[in-house]
Amino acid sequence: MIRTLLTLLLIAATGRLVAIDDPPAASPVAPGAKVEKLADGFAFTEGPAPDADGNVYFTDQPNDSILKWGTDGKLSTFMKPCGRSNGLCFDKEGRLWACADENNELWRIDVKTKEKTVVVKDYGGKLLNGPNDVWVRPDGGAYFTDPYYKRPYWKRGPQEQDIQGVYYVAPDGKLTRVEGGLKQPNGIIGTPDGKTLYVADIGGNKTYAYDIQADGSLKDRRQFCGLGSDGMTIDEAGNIYLTGRGVTVFDKSGKQVAHIPVPELWTANVCFGGKDMKTLFITASKGLYAIAMQVKGAARQ
């Protein structure tokens, strides 16, 4: 109503229709909140993922470690060695999925016993490029990106896959390639209802959205925003968080609503965690950072 009245007043005053820009969207960052360094001294932090209690697991890939930042504010080592794990994601059963880059595998880890299951080790009889980031949808199927970044610790030959793709692992273990048209897919996240998947093409500097089909296939690819990303997360309002130079936040329509500077050369990944799930955890180069938010992370349905 206020918008309509303002439009009518402008027309009366000027004798012509005047366009009114939409008011700026509110930032999801808590008022006055600043990025805080929680821990440092790592080689390169990546892959943060919260468990059901809000504890955040993250990786230090060069040091072959998965670490845990507890809701009690204490840091501990969860697993070392860890297959040079990169991106992480918890499923509804509380198992930790890990992109184990050392041997180009996708793992599923029992958090209580630390027993690992190699879910994927190749595609079409050829080595994967190097699983990078993973998201598990509500029914247990998992999507992961497979860009090629040559690692100094690899004991393998040249790239065997013909593309850098996105893959889907069905709950029964069947593996399919669901996207092969991106330059270098990296960050990945889905909506908690399991209906939409977002994939960042860091090589093409764009992020795309897809409709998820029941069989795991993807349809209706559309550009979400003109920015690529290393890692991604989503909040309860549907805002998408991209990384690289700090953290850039877009609403569900693809409009930028916030930018969070981080005092490191590169921001790798983000997730929501903490007891109330209203803290944004940021893995950036040699540090682990956090900032208070007004919104919670998206809850898995």
C-alpha atoms as a PDB file:
ATOM      1  CA  MET A   1       0.000   0.000   0.000  1.00  0.00           C
ATOM      2  CA  ILE A   2       2.781   2.453   0.912  1.00  0.00           C
ATOM      3  CA  ARG A   3       4.545   1.699  -2.348  1.00  0.00           C
ATOM      4  CA  THR A   4       1.323   2.281  -4.322  1.00  0.00           C
ATOM      5  CA  LEU A   5       0.623   5.606  -2.590  1.00  0.00           C
ATOM      6  CA  LEU A   6       4.180   6.766  -3.182  1.00  0.00           C
ATOM      7  CA  THR A   7       3.883   5.928  -6.868  1.00  0.00           C
ATOM      8  CA  LEU A   8       0.606   7.895  -7.157  1.00  0.00           C
ATOM      9  CA  LEU A   9       2.142  10.914  -5.403  1.00  0.00           C
ATOM     10  CA  LEU A  10       5.106  10.914  -7.768  1.00  0.00           C
ATOM     11  CA  ILE A  11       2.828  10.692 -10.787  1.00  0.00           C
ATOM     12  CA  ALA A  12       0.753  13.617  -9.482  1.00  0.00           C
ATOM     13  CA  ALA A  13       3.841  15.699  -8.821  1.00  0.00           C
ATOM     14  CA  THR A  14       5.657  15.034 -12.070  1.00  0.00           C
ATOM     15  CA  GLY A  15       2.879  14.198 -14.497  1.00  0.00           C
ATOM     16  CA  ARG A  16       4.681  11.008 -15.517  1.00  0.00           C
ATOM     17  CA  LEU A  17       5.281   7.513 -14.231  1.00  0.00           C
ATOM     18  CA  VAL A  18       8.436   7.303 -12.169  1.00  0.00           C
ATOM     19  CA  ALA A  19      10.187   3.990 -11.608  1.00  0.00           C
ATOM     20  CA  ILE A  20      10.876   3.119  -7.997  1.00  0.00           C
ATOM     21  CA  ASP A  21      13.716   0.784  -7.263  1.00  0.00           C
ATOM     22  CA  ASP A  22      13.073  -2.088  -4.895  1.00  0.00           C
ATOM     23  CA  PRO A  23      14.316  -1.282  -1.390  1.00  0.00           C
ATOM     24  CA  PRO A  24      17.642  -2.899  -0.551  1.00  0.00           C
ATOM     25  CA  ALA A  25      17.286  -6.369   0.905  1.00  0.00           C
ATOM     26  CA  ALA A  26      18.258  -6.788   4.535  1.00  0.00           C
ATOM     27  CA  SER A  27      21.591  -8.426   5.171  1.00  0.00           C
ATOM     28  CA  PRO A  28      21.411 -11.816   6.929  1.00  0.00           C
ATOM     29  CA  VAL A  29      24.408 -10.810   9.079  1.00  0.00           C
ATOM     30  CA  ALA A  30      23.521  -9.947  12.683  1.00  0.00           C
ATOM     31  CA  PRO A  31      23.639  -6.178  13.322  1.00  0.00           C
ATOM     32  CA  GLY A  32      27.111  -5.099  14.360  1.00  0.00           C
ATOM     33  CA  ALA A  33      28.589  -8.582  13.959  1.00  0.00           C
ATOM     34  CA  LYS A  34      32.210  -8.905  12.873  1.00  0.00           C
ATOM     35  CA  VAL A  35      34.216 -11.823  11.566  1.00  0.00           C
ATOM     36  CA  GLU A  36      36.109 -13.485  14.432  1.00  0.00           C
ATOM     37  CA  LYS A  37      39.128 -15.756  14.090  1.00  0.00           C
ATOM     38  CA  LEU A  38      38.551 -18.952  16.068  1.00  0.00           C
ATOM     39  CA  ALA A  39      41.747 -20.818  15.265  1.00  0.00           C
ATOM     40  CA  ASP A  40      44.762 -20.564  12.972  1.00  0.00           C
ATOM     41  CA  GLY A  41      48.065 -22.218  12.147  1.00  0.00           C
ATOM     42  CA  PHE A  42      46.633 -24.550   9.507  1.00  0.00           C
ATOM     43  CA  ALA A  43      48.036 -25.076   6.013  1.00  0.00           C
ATOM     44  CA  PHE A  44      44.745 -24.667   4.110  1.00  0.00           C
ATOM     45  CA  THR A  45      41.288 -25.076   5.628  1.00  0.00           C
ATOM     46  CA  GLU A  46      38.342 -26.462   3.669  1.00  0.00           C
ATOM     47  CA  GLY A  47      35.058 -28.357   3.702  1.00  0.00           C
ATOM     48  CA  PRO A  48      33.190 -27.272   6.882  1.00  0.00           C
ATOM     49  CA  ALA A  49      30.083 -29.306   7.739  1.00  0.00           C
ATOM     50  CA  PRO A  50      27.892 -29.319  10.875  1.00  0.00           C
ATOM     51  CA  ASP A  51      26.634 -32.431  12.628  1.00  0.00           C
ATOM     52  CA  ALA A  52      23.141 -32.572  14.136  1.00  0.00           C
ATOM     53  CA  ASP A  53      24.336 -30.890  17.339  1.00  0.00           C
ATOM     54  CA  GLY A  54      26.034 -27.991  15.578  1.00  0.00           C
ATOM     55  CA  ASN A  55      29.644 -29.162  15.966  1.00  0.00           C
ATOM     56  CA  VAL A  56      31.581 -28.171  12.848  1.00  0.00           C
ATOM     57  CA  TYR A  57      33.979 -30.571  11.123  1.00  0.00           C
ATOM     58  CA  PHE A  58      36.452 -29.150   8.634  1.00  0.00           C
ATOM     59  CA  THR A  59      39.581 -30.218   6.789  1.00  0.00           C
ATOM     60  CA  ASP A  60      43.195 -29.148   6.574  1.00  0.00           C
ATOM     61  CA  GLN A  61      43.987 -30.924   3.334  1.00  0.00           C
ATOM     62  CA  PRO A  62      47.775 -30.344   3.129  1.00  0.00           C
ATOM     63  CA  ASN A  63      48.077 -31.734   6.677  1.00  0.00           C
ATOM     64  CA  ASP A  64      45.757 -34.661   5.875  1.00  0.00           C
ATOM     65  CA  SER A  65      43.422 -33.903   8.784  1.00  0.00           C
ATOM     66  CA  ILE A  66      39.731 -33.620   9.600  1.00  0.00           C
ATOM     67  CA  LEU A  67      39.262 -31.362  12.616  1.00  0.00           C
ATOM     68  CA  LYS A  68      36.278 -30.582  14.841  1.00  0.00           C
ATOM     69  CA  TRP A  69      35.241 -27.263  16.346  1.00  0.00           C
ATOM     70  CA  GLY A  70      32.861 -28.228  19.137  1.00  0.00           C
ATOM     71  CA  THR A  71      29.884 -26.266  20.369  1.00  0.00           C
ATOM     72  CA  ASP A  72      31.919 -25.933  23.585  1.00  0.00           C
ATOM     73  CA  GLY A  73      34.445 -23.809  21.680  1.00  0.00           C
ATOM     74  CA  LYS A  74      37.154 -26.462  21.736  1.00  0.00           C
ATOM     75  CA  LEU A  75      39.204 -27.648  18.771  1.00  0.00           C
ATOM     76  CA  SER A  76      40.132 -31.314  18.336  1.00  0.00           C
ATOM     77  CA  THR A  77      41.407 -33.649  15.640  1.00  0.00           C
ATOM     78  CA  PHE A  78      38.763 -36.064  14.413  1.00  0.00           C
ATOM     79  CA  MET A  79      40.795 -38.083  11.890  1.00  0.00           C
ATOM     80  CA  LYS A  80      44.423 -38.059  10.752  1.00  0.00           C
ATOM     81  CA  PRO A  81      45.268 -39.285   8.170  1.00  0.00           C
ATOM     82  CA  CYS A  82      41.999 -38.826   6.308  1.00  0.00           C
ATOM     83  CA  GLY A  83      42.732 -39.547   2.654  1.00  0.00           C
ATOM     84  CA  ARG A  84      43.508 -35.866   2.050  1.00  0.00           C
ATOM     85  CA  SER A  85      39.810 -35.087   2.501  1.00  0.00           C
ATOM     86  CA  ASN A  86      38.448 -31.869   1.051  1.00  0.00           C
ATOM     87  CA  GLY A  87      34.683 -31.196   1.050  1.00  0.00           C
ATOM     88  CA  LEU A  88      32.501 -32.787   3.759  1.00  0.00           C
ATOM     89  CA  CYS A  89      28.782 -33.307   4.349  1.00  0.00           C
ATOM     90  CA  PHE A  90      26.705 -35.124   6.968  1.00  0.00           C
ATOM     91  CA  ASP A  91      23.712 -37.257   5.983  1.00  0.00           C
ATOM     92  CA  LYS A  92      20.506 -37.789   7.969  1.00  0.00           C
ATOM     93  CA  GLU A  93      22.006 -40.836   9.672  1.00  0.00           C
ATOM     94  CA  GLY A  94      24.884 -38.764  11.035  1.00  0.00           C
ATOM     95  CA  ARG A  95      27.506 -40.284   8.759  1.00  0.00           C
ATOM     96  CA  LEU A  96      30.207 -38.007   7.408  1.00  0.00           C
ATOM     97  CA  TRP A  97      30.776 -38.022   3.635  1.00  0.00           C
ATOM     98  CA  ALA A  98      34.248 -36.932   2.560  1.00  0.00           C
ATOM     99  CA  CYS A  99      35.849 -36.119  -0.777  1.00  0.00           C
ATOM    100  CA  ALA A 100      39.012 -38.141  -0.219  1.00  0.00           C
ATOM    101  CA  ASP A 101      41.286 -36.573  -2.774  1.00  0.00           C
ATOM    102  CA  GLU A 102      44.432 -38.619  -2.109  1.00  0.00           C
ATOM    103  CA  ASN A 103      43.206 -41.589  -4.153  1.00  0.00           C
ATOM    104  CA  ASN A 104      40.380 -39.732  -5.921  1.00  0.00           C
ATOM    105  CA  GLU A 105      37.628 -41.397  -3.888  1.00  0.00           C
ATOM    106  CA  LEU A 106      34.358 -40.525  -2.154  1.00  0.00           C
ATOM    107  CA  TRP A 107      34.144 -41.841   1.411  1.00  0.00           C
ATOM    108  CA  ARG A 108      31.405 -42.297   3.997  1.00  0.00           C
ATOM    109  CA  ILE A 109      32.658 -42.305   7.576  1.00  0.00           C
ATOM    110  CA  ASP A 110      30.970 -43.701  10.693  1.00  0.00           C
ATOM    111  CA  VAL A 111      31.676 -40.890  13.146  1.00  0.00           C
ATOM    112  CA  LYS A 112      31.505 -43.134  16.216  1.00  0.00           C
ATOM    113  CA  THR A 113      33.880 -45.838  14.995  1.00  0.00           C
ATOM    114  CA  LYS A 114      35.765 -43.789  12.367  1.00  0.00           C
ATOM    115  CA  GLU A 115      35.341 -46.726  10.011  1.00  0.00           C
ATOM    116  CA  LYS A 116      35.308 -45.584   6.396  1.00  0.00           C
ATOM    117  CA  THR A 117      33.479 -46.981   3.385  1.00  0.00           C
ATOM    118  CA  VAL A 118      34.756 -46.177  -0.095  1.00  0.00           C
ATOM    119  CA  VAL A 119      31.545 -45.281  -1.899  1.00  0.00           C
ATOM    120  CA  VAL A 120      33.109 -44.263  -5.233  1.00  0.00           C
ATOM    121  CA  LYS A 121      36.597 -44.986  -6.557  1.00  0.00           C
ATOM    122  CA  ASP A 122      36.232 -44.526 -10.323  1.00  0.00           C
ATOM    123  CA  TYR A 123      33.825 -43.804 -13.172  1.00  0.00           C
ATOM    124  CA  GLY A 124      33.704 -45.958 -16.265  1.00  0.00           C
ATOM    125  CA  GLY A 125      36.771 -47.828 -15.056  1.00  0.00           C
ATOM    126  CA  LYS A 126      38.848 -44.631 -15.016  1.00  0.00           C
ATOM    127  CA  LEU A 127      40.135 -42.613 -12.072  1.00  0.00           C
ATOM    128  CA  LEU A 128      38.080 -39.630 -11.041  1.00  0.00           C
ATOM    129  CA  ASN A 129      39.760 -36.247 -11.353  1.00  0.00           C
ATOM    130  CA  GLY A 130      39.518 -35.597  -7.625  1.00  0.00           C
ATOM    131  CA  PRO A 131      36.178 -35.344  -5.766  1.00  0.00           C
ATOM    132  CA  ASN A 132      36.037 -31.831  -4.354  1.00  0.00           C
ATOM    133  CA  ASP A 133      32.711 -31.017  -2.717  1.00  0.00           C
ATOM    134  CA  VAL A 134      29.662 -33.119  -1.805  1.00  0.00           C
ATOM    135  CA  TRP A 135      26.039 -32.637  -0.815  1.00  0.00           C
ATOM    136  CA  VAL A 136      23.754 -35.435   0.407  1.00  0.00           C
ATOM    137  CA  ARG A 137      20.075 -35.040  -0.399  1.00  0.00           C
ATOM    138  CA  PRO A 138      17.321 -36.045   2.083  1.00  0.00           C
ATOM    139  CA  ASP A 139      16.825 -39.567   0.699  1.00  0.00           C
ATOM    140  CA  GLY A 140      20.519 -40.423   1.017  1.00  0.00           C
ATOM    141  CA  GLY A 141      21.586 -39.883  -2.581  1.00  0.00           C
ATOM    142  CA  ALA A 142      24.731 -37.769  -2.939  1.00  0.00           C
ATOM    143  CA  TYR A 143      25.973 -35.268  -5.522  1.00  0.00           C
ATOM    144  CA  PHE A 144      29.642 -34.398  -5.823  1.00  0.00           C
ATOM    145  CA  THR A 145      31.831 -32.258  -8.056  1.00  0.00           C
ATOM    146  CA  ASP A 146      34.942 -33.643  -9.732  1.00  0.00           C
ATOM    147  CA  PRO A 147      37.236 -30.864 -10.982  1.00  0.00           C
ATOM    148  CA  TYR A 148      40.868 -31.523 -11.844  1.00  0.00           C
ATOM    149  CA  TYR A 149      43.489 -29.870  -9.638  1.00  0.00           C
ATOM    150  CA  LYS A 150      46.832 -31.614  -9.909  1.00  0.00           C
ATOM    151  CA  ARG A 151      48.124 -32.403  -6.415  1.00  0.00           C
ATOM    152  CA  PRO A 152      51.810 -32.682  -5.455  1.00  0.00           C
ATOM    153  CA  TYR A 153      51.067 -35.809  -3.389  1.00  0.00           C
ATOM    154  CA  TRP A 154      49.418 -37.778  -6.199  1.00  0.00           C
ATOM    155  CA  LYS A 155      51.076 -40.947  -7.432  1.00  0.00           C
ATOM    156  CA  ARG A 156      49.105 -41.229 -10.637  1.00  0.00           C
ATOM    157  CA  GLY A 157      49.275 -40.427 -14.315  1.00  0.00           C
ATOM    158  CA  PRO A 158      47.471 -37.655 -16.226  1.00  0.00           C
ATOM    159  CA  GLN A 159      43.761 -36.881 -16.113  1.00  0.00           C
ATOM    160  CA  GLU A 160      41.726 -39.935 -17.131  1.00  0.00           C
ATOM    161  CA  GLN A 161      38.200 -38.495 -17.257  1.00  0.00           C
ATOM    162  CA  ASP A 162      37.325 -36.630 -20.453  1.00  0.00           C
ATOM    163  CA  ILE A 163      35.553 -33.829 -18.585  1.00  0.00           C
ATOM    164  CA  GLN A 164      35.294 -32.180 -15.182  1.00  0.00           C
ATOM    165  CA  GLY A 165      31.837 -33.284 -14.158  1.00  0.00           C
ATOM    166  CA  VAL A 166      29.131 -33.518 -11.509  1.00  0.00           C
ATOM    167  CA  TYR A 167      28.067 -36.983 -10.340  1.00  0.00           C
ATOM    168  CA  TYR A 168      25.179 -38.546  -8.472  1.00  0.00           C
ATOM    169  CA  VAL A 169      25.410 -41.601  -6.226  1.00  0.00           C
ATOM    170  CA  ALA A 170      21.982 -43.170  -5.702  1.00  0.00           C
ATOM    171  CA  PRO A 171      21.092 -44.697  -2.314  1.00  0.00           C
ATOM    172  CA  ASP A 172      21.686 -48.121  -3.875  1.00  0.00           C
ATOM    173  CA  GLY A 173      25.222 -47.095  -4.896  1.00  0.00           C
ATOM    174  CA  LYS A 174      24.636 -46.591  -8.624  1.00  0.00           C
ATOM    175  CA  LEU A 175      26.864 -43.823  -9.993  1.00  0.00           C
ATOM    176  CA  THR A 176      25.857 -41.550 -12.864  1.00  0.00           C
ATOM    177  CA  ARG A 177      27.339 -38.411 -14.375  1.00  0.00           C
ATOM    178  CA  VAL A 178      24.592 -35.780 -14.259  1.00  0.00           C
ATOM    179  CA  GLU A 179      26.399 -32.696 -15.581  1.00  0.00           C
ATOM    180  CA  GLY A 180      29.213 -32.544 -18.090  1.00  0.00           C
ATOM    181  CA  GLY A 181      28.912 -29.058 -19.515  1.00  0.00           C
ATOM    182  CA  LEU A 182      30.800 -26.971 -16.950  1.00  0.00           C
ATOM    183  CA  LYS A 183      34.389 -25.787 -17.149  1.00  0.00           C
ATOM    184  CA  GLN A 184      35.408 -26.541 -13.578  1.00  0.00           C
ATOM    185  CA  PRO A 185      32.601 -27.404 -11.140  1.00  0.00           C
ATOM    186  CA  ASN A 186      33.527 -26.864  -7.514  1.00  0.00           C
ATOM    187  CA  GLY A 187      31.127 -25.775  -4.754  1.00  0.00           C
ATOM    188  CA  ILE A 188      27.796 -27.584  -4.457  1.00  0.00           C
ATOM    189  CA  ILE A 189      24.721 -27.321  -2.213  1.00  0.00           C
ATOM    190  CA  GLY A 190      21.062 -28.292  -2.392  1.00  0.00           C
ATOM    191  CA  THR A 191      17.847 -27.053  -0.843  1.00  0.00           C
ATOM    192  CA  PRO A 192      16.651 -28.954   2.246  1.00  0.00           C
ATOM    193  CA  ASP A 193      13.550 -30.218   0.406  1.00  0.00           C
ATOM    194  CA  GLY A 194      15.812 -31.933  -2.122  1.00  0.00           C
ATOM    195  CA  LYS A 195      14.266 -30.136  -5.097  1.00  0.00           C
ATOM    196  CA  THR A 196      16.971 -27.707  -6.227  1.00  0.00           C
ATOM    197  CA  LEU A 197      20.724 -28.147  -6.662  1.00  0.00           C
ATOM    198  CA  TYR A 198      23.227 -25.302  -6.956  1.00  0.00           C
ATOM    199  CA  VAL A 199      26.614 -25.898  -8.577  1.00  0.00           C
ATOM    200  CA  ALA A 200      29.372 -23.305  -8.822  1.00  0.00           C
ATOM    201  CA  ASP A 201      31.434 -23.376 -12.013  1.00  0.00           C
ATOM    202  CA  ILE A 202      34.543 -21.674 -10.674  1.00  0.00           C
ATOM    203  CA  GLY A 203      36.247 -22.044 -14.057  1.00  0.00           C
ATOM    204  CA  GLY A 204      33.396 -20.261 -15.833  1.00  0.00           C
ATOM    205  CA  ASN A 205      32.793 -17.772 -12.980  1.00  0.00           C
ATOM    206  CA  LYS A 206      29.085 -18.618 -12.786  1.00  0.00           C
ATOM    207  CA  THR A 207      26.768 -20.517 -10.472  1.00  0.00           C
ATOM    208  CA  TYR A 208      23.867 -22.568 -11.821  1.00  0.00           C
ATOM    209  CA  ALA A 209      20.624 -23.922 -10.392  1.00  0.00           C
ATOM    210  CA  TYR A 210      18.993 -27.210 -11.438  1.00  0.00           C
ATOM    211  CA  ASP A 211      15.743 -29.007 -10.776  1.00  0.00           C
ATOM    212  CA  ILE A 212      16.450 -32.336  -9.093  1.00  0.00           C
ATOM    213  CA  GLN A 213      14.532 -35.307 -10.472  1.00  0.00           C
ATOM    214  CA  ALA A 214      13.497 -38.365  -8.443  1.00  0.00           C
ATOM    215  CA  ASP A 215      16.041 -40.553 -10.260  1.00  0.00           C
ATOM    216  CA  GLY A 216      18.870 -38.131  -9.460  1.00  0.00           C
ATOM    217  CA  SER A 217      19.069 -36.542 -12.892  1.00  0.00           C
ATOM    218  CA  LEU A 218      19.072 -32.764 -13.275  1.00  0.00           C
ATOM    219  CA  LYS A 219      16.828 -30.608 -15.464  1.00  0.00           C
ATOM    220  CA  ASP A 220      16.287 -26.953 -16.368  1.00  0.00           C
ATOM    221  CA  ARG A 221      19.806 -25.628 -15.852  1.00  0.00           C
ATOM    222  CA  ARG A 222      19.722 -21.859 -15.422  1.00  0.00           C
ATOM    223  CA  GLN A 223      22.273 -19.301 -14.353  1.00  0.00           C
ATOM    224  CA  PHE A 224      21.742 -18.314 -10.753  1.00  0.00           C
ATOM    225  CA  CYS A 225      24.396 -15.597 -10.606  1.00  0.00           C
ATOM    226  CA  GLY A 226      27.486 -14.372 -12.432  1.00  0.00           C
ATOM    227  CA  LEU A 227      29.966 -15.523  -9.827  1.00  0.00           C
ATOM    228  CA  GLY A 228      31.772 -18.806  -9.343  1.00  0.00           C
ATOM    229  CA  SER A 229      32.706 -20.223  -5.970  1.00  0.00           C
ATOM    230  CA  ASP A 230      34.993 -22.606  -4.138  1.00  0.00           C
ATOM    231  CA  GLY A 231      32.395 -23.662  -1.553  1.00  0.00           C
ATOM    232  CA  MET A 232      28.731 -22.973  -0.821  1.00  0.00           C
ATOM    233  CA  THR A 233      26.019 -23.101   1.800  1.00  0.00           C
ATOM    234  CA  ILE A 234      22.358 -22.117   2.169  1.00  0.00           C
ATOM    235  CA  ASP A 235      20.278 -20.625   4.981  1.00  0.00           C
ATOM    236  CA  GLU A 236      16.665 -21.043   6.090  1.00  0.00           C
ATOM    237  CA  ALA A 237      15.578 -18.076   3.935  1.00  0.00           C
ATOM    238  CA  GLY A 238      17.056 -19.633   0.800  1.00  0.00           C
ATOM    239  CA  ASN A 239      20.034 -17.281   0.623  1.00  0.00           C
ATOM    240  CA  ILE A 240      23.087 -18.798  -1.087  1.00  0.00           C
ATOM    241  CA  TYR A 241      26.596 -18.118   0.238  1.00  0.00           C
ATOM    242  CA  LEU A 242      29.531 -18.182  -2.197  1.00  0.00           C
ATOM    243  CA  THR A 243      33.218 -17.977  -1.397  1.00  0.00           C
ATOM    244  CA  GLY A 244      36.476 -16.777  -2.906  1.00  0.00           C
ATOM    245  CA  ARG A 245      37.162 -13.171  -1.993  1.00  0.00           C
ATOM    246  CA  GLY A 246      35.398 -13.249   1.341  1.00  0.00           C
ATOM    247  CA  VAL A 247      31.792 -14.479   1.386  1.00  0.00           C
ATOM    248  CA  THR A 248      29.178 -13.108  -1.024  1.00  0.00           C
ATOM    249  CA  VAL A 249      25.506 -13.708  -0.251  1.00  0.00           C
ATOM    250  CA  PHE A 250      22.694 -13.887  -2.816  1.00  0.00           C
ATOM    251  CA  ASP A 251      18.982 -14.184  -2.158  1.00  0.00           C
ATOM    252  CA  LYS A 252      16.975 -16.948  -3.829  1.00  0.00           C
ATOM    253  CA  SER A 253      16.376 -14.771  -6.893  1.00  0.00           C
ATOM    254  CA  GLY A 254      20.128 -14.373  -7.476  1.00  0.00           C
ATOM    255  CA  LYS A 255      20.361 -10.804  -6.178  1.00  0.00           C
ATOM    256  CA  GLN A 256      23.390  -9.965  -4.042  1.00  0.00           C
ATOM    257  CA  VAL A 257      22.350  -8.978  -0.517  1.00  0.00           C
ATOM    258  CA  ALA A 258      25.626  -8.969   1.400  1.00  0.00           C
ATOM    259  CA  HIS A 259      29.381  -9.306   1.221  1.00  0.00           C
ATOM    260  CA  ILE A 260      31.405 -10.447   4.229  1.00  0.00           C
ATOM    261  CA  PRO A 261      35.110  -9.538   4.063  1.00  0.00           C
ATOM    262  CA  VAL A 262      37.493 -12.129   5.496  1.00  0.00           C
ATOM    263  CA  PRO A 263      41.107 -11.194   6.368  1.00  0.00           C
ATOM    264  CA  GLU A 264      42.726 -13.935   4.265  1.00  0.00           C
ATOM    265  CA  LEU A 265      43.817 -14.151   0.644  1.00  0.00           C
ATOM    266  CA  TRP A 266      41.241 -16.836  -0.130  1.00  0.00           C
ATOM    267  CA  THR A 267      38.003 -18.026   1.432  1.00  0.00           C
ATOM    268  CA  ALA A 268      37.435 -21.676   0.612  1.00  0.00           C
ATOM    269  CA  ASN A 269      34.136 -22.712   2.155  1.00  0.00           C
ATOM    270  CA  VAL A 270      31.330 -21.946   4.607  1.00  0.00           C
ATOM    271  CA  CYS A 271      28.634 -23.611   6.692  1.00  0.00           C
ATOM    272  CA  PHE A 272      26.209 -22.811   9.488  1.00  0.00           C
ATOM    273  CA  GLY A 273      26.811 -24.350  12.900  1.00  0.00           C
ATOM    274  CA  GLY A 274      26.711 -23.806  16.632  1.00  0.00           C
ATOM    275  CA  LYS A 275      24.013 -24.833  19.101  1.00  0.00           C
ATOM    276  CA  ASP A 276      21.417 -22.555  17.496  1.00  0.00           C
ATOM    277  CA  MET A 277      22.757 -22.935  13.920  1.00  0.00           C
ATOM    278  CA  LYS A 278      23.009 -19.150  13.635  1.00  0.00           C
ATOM    279  CA  THR A 279      26.768 -18.890  13.340  1.00  0.00           C
ATOM    280  CA  LEU A 280      28.412 -18.838   9.926  1.00  0.00           C
ATOM    281  CA  PHE A 281      31.709 -20.746  10.021  1.00  0.00           C
ATOM    282  CA  ILE A 282      34.278 -19.812   7.391  1.00  0.00           C
ATOM    283  CA  THR A 283      37.333 -21.791   6.328  1.00  0.00           C
ATOM    284  CA  ALA A 284      39.841 -19.384   4.827  1.00  0.00           C
ATOM    285  CA  SER A 285      43.456 -20.230   4.052  1.00  0.00           C
ATOM    286  CA  LYS A 286      45.259 -20.759   7.367  1.00  0.00           C
ATOM    287  CA  GLY A 287      42.343 -19.952   9.661  1.00  0.00           C
ATOM    288  CA  LEU A 288      38.878 -20.871  10.880  1.00  0.00           C
ATOM    289  CA  TYR A 289      36.551 -17.889  11.268  1.00  0.00           C
ATOM    290  CA  ALA A 290      32.981 -17.245  12.404  1.00  0.00           C
ATOM    291  CA  ILE A 291      30.362 -14.503  12.360  1.00  0.00           C
ATOM    292  CA  ALA A 292      26.954 -14.214  14.027  1.00  0.00           C
ATOM    293  CA  MET A 293      23.935 -14.250  11.718  1.00  0.00           C
ATOM    294  CA  GLN A 294      20.263 -13.259  11.914  1.00  0.00           C
ATOM    295  CA  VAL A 295      19.206 -16.462  10.169  1.00  0.00           C
ATOM    296  CA  LYS A 296      19.774 -20.154  10.752  1.00  0.00           C
ATOM    297  CA  GLY A 297      21.299 -22.582   8.346  1.00  0.00           C
ATOM    298  CA  ALA A 298      18.782 -24.507   6.257  1.00  0.00           C
ATOM    299  CA  ALA A 299      17.475 -27.526   8.154  1.00  0.00           C
ATOM    300  CA  ARG A 300      17.462 -30.863   6.370  1.00  0.00           C
ATOM    301  CA  GLN A 301      13.925 -32.164   5.771  1.00  0.00           C
END
